[in-house]
Protein backbone atom coordinates (compact mmCIF):
# COMPACT_ATOMS: atom_id res chain seq x y z
CA MET A 1 -6.64 12.48 3.68
CA SER A 2 -6.42 16.39 4.25
CA ASP A 3 -4.53 17.98 0.65
CA LYS A 4 -1.13 18.12 3.42
CA ARG A 5 -1.39 14.51 4.04
CA GLU A 6 -2.01 13.26 0.58
CA LYS A 7 0.97 15.39 -0.60
CA LEU A 8 3.51 14.21 1.89
CA ALA A 9 2.00 10.36 1.16
CA VAL A 10 2.84 11.06 -2.51
CA ASP A 11 6.79 11.88 -2.03
CA LYS A 12 7.18 8.96 0.64
CA PRO A 13 8.78 5.62 -1.44
CA THR A 14 6.10 3.34 -1.66
CA VAL A 15 4.87 -0.48 -3.48
CA THR A 16 1.25 -1.70 -3.35
CA LEU A 17 0.73 -5.32 -4.15
CA PRO A 18 -2.14 -7.36 -5.17
CA GLY A 19 -4.00 -9.24 -2.65
CA THR A 20 -7.17 -11.50 -1.45
CA VAL A 21 -8.73 -11.61 1.51
CA GLU A 22 -8.78 -15.46 1.95
CA LYS A 23 -10.26 -15.80 5.38
CA ILE A 24 -12.15 -13.39 8.05
CA ILE A 25 -10.67 -14.44 11.34
CA SER A 26 -13.14 -14.49 14.23
CA PRO A 27 -11.91 -13.63 17.87
CA LEU A 28 -12.05 -16.09 20.53
CA ASP A 29 -12.19 -13.31 22.99
CA PRO A 30 -15.15 -11.27 22.25
CA SER A 31 -13.23 -7.69 23.59
CA GLU A 32 -11.10 -8.76 20.62
CA PRO A 33 -11.15 -7.15 17.37
CA GLU A 34 -12.41 -9.54 14.40
CA LYS A 35 -9.41 -10.14 11.81
CA ALA A 36 -9.02 -10.52 8.12
CA GLN A 37 -5.85 -12.78 6.65
CA ILE A 38 -5.10 -11.36 3.25
CA ALA A 39 -2.27 -13.75 0.83
CA VAL A 40 -0.44 -10.86 -0.85
CA GLU A 41 0.79 -11.66 -4.62
CA GLY A 42 4.59 -11.37 -4.72
CA ALA A 43 5.77 -12.04 -1.47
CA ASP A 44 7.34 -15.54 -0.74
CA ASP A 45 5.92 -18.23 -0.20
CA LEU A 46 6.25 -18.72 3.86
CA TYR A 47 5.30 -15.00 4.03
CA ARG A 48 2.72 -13.88 2.03
CA GLU A 49 -0.10 -14.08 4.70
CA ILE A 50 -0.69 -11.14 6.79
CA ARG A 51 -3.58 -10.70 9.31
CA VAL A 52 -5.03 -7.03 10.03
CA GLU A 53 -7.95 -5.77 12.29
CA ASN A 54 -10.82 -5.80 9.74
CA THR A 55 -11.51 -2.35 10.27
CA LEU A 56 -11.88 0.48 7.44
CA GLN A 57 -13.28 3.25 6.91
CA ASP A 58 -15.63 4.85 3.54
CA ALA A 59 -15.56 7.63 2.06
CA ALA A 60 -18.07 9.24 4.90
CA GLY A 61 -15.93 7.98 7.52
CA ASN A 62 -18.12 4.51 8.36
CA PRO A 63 -16.48 1.89 9.95
CA VAL A 64 -16.78 -0.87 7.28
CA SER A 65 -15.33 -4.32 7.18
CA LEU A 66 -13.72 -6.45 3.75
CA LYS A 67 -15.48 -9.61 2.75
CA ASP A 68 -14.10 -13.00 2.22
CA GLY A 69 -13.07 -13.22 -1.15
CA ALA A 70 -12.25 -8.98 -1.76
CA GLU A 71 -9.38 -8.50 -3.42
CA VAL A 72 -7.38 -5.27 -2.17
CA ASN A 73 -4.06 -3.98 -2.19
CA VAL A 74 -1.54 -3.82 0.57
CA THR A 75 0.92 -0.78 0.16
CA ILE A 76 3.66 -0.61 1.99
CA GLU A 77 4.85 3.33 2.31
CA ALA A 78 8.40 4.22 4.37
CA GLU A 79 10.03 7.52 5.02
CA SER A 80 12.51 8.82 2.30
CA GLU A 81 15.52 8.44 5.47
CA ALA A 82 14.34 4.99 6.13
CA THR A 83 15.43 3.59 2.33
CA THR A 84 18.75 3.21 0.49
CA PRO A 85 19.11 3.69 -3.16
CA LYS A 86 19.22 0.24 -4.48
CA ARG A 87 22.01 -0.25 -6.84
CA GLN A 88 21.61 -0.96 -10.49
CA PRO A 89 23.22 -4.43 -11.88
CA GLU A 90 26.69 -3.23 -13.53
CA ALA A 91 26.29 -3.89 -17.50
CA LYS A 92 27.93 -6.61 -18.27
CA GLU A 93 30.36 -6.29 -21.13
CA SER A 94 29.52 -7.39 -24.59
CA ALA A 95 31.18 -9.85 -26.41
CA ARG A 96 33.97 -8.01 -28.43
CA PRO A 97 33.26 -8.22 -32.03
CA THR A 98 35.59 -11.07 -33.68
CA ARG A 99 38.29 -9.70 -36.37
CA PRO A 100 38.37 -12.04 -39.23
CA PRO A 101 42.12 -13.70 -39.29
CA LYS A 102 44.66 -11.16 -41.44
CA ASP A 103 45.53 -13.02 -45.03
CA LYS A 104 48.89 -14.56 -44.48
CA THR A 105 50.19 -14.17 -48.53
CA THR A 106 53.94 -13.92 -48.80
CA SER A 107 55.11 -11.04 -51.04
């Protein structure tokens, strides 16, 4: 990645979640790419698996594939304009300290 692209990527809001390659899926049609099914930790149960083309590049730019059981990181990145500030939960009022009852002595 060029220095300019790295700087731009750092400026974008992101979240990175751990995941595991659950299985490698061979295509039914040989002209289609192989897929890797990844279970994303921290996602809702019904939505935790994603399938992506199983083609990555190593540091030298050579094509490589994920192995079954590989530990991976899934990064979600957005443009700043595509996000809104998250509201902070309102602080709950702390319980007011109770004062001891006034002494009702007669004078």
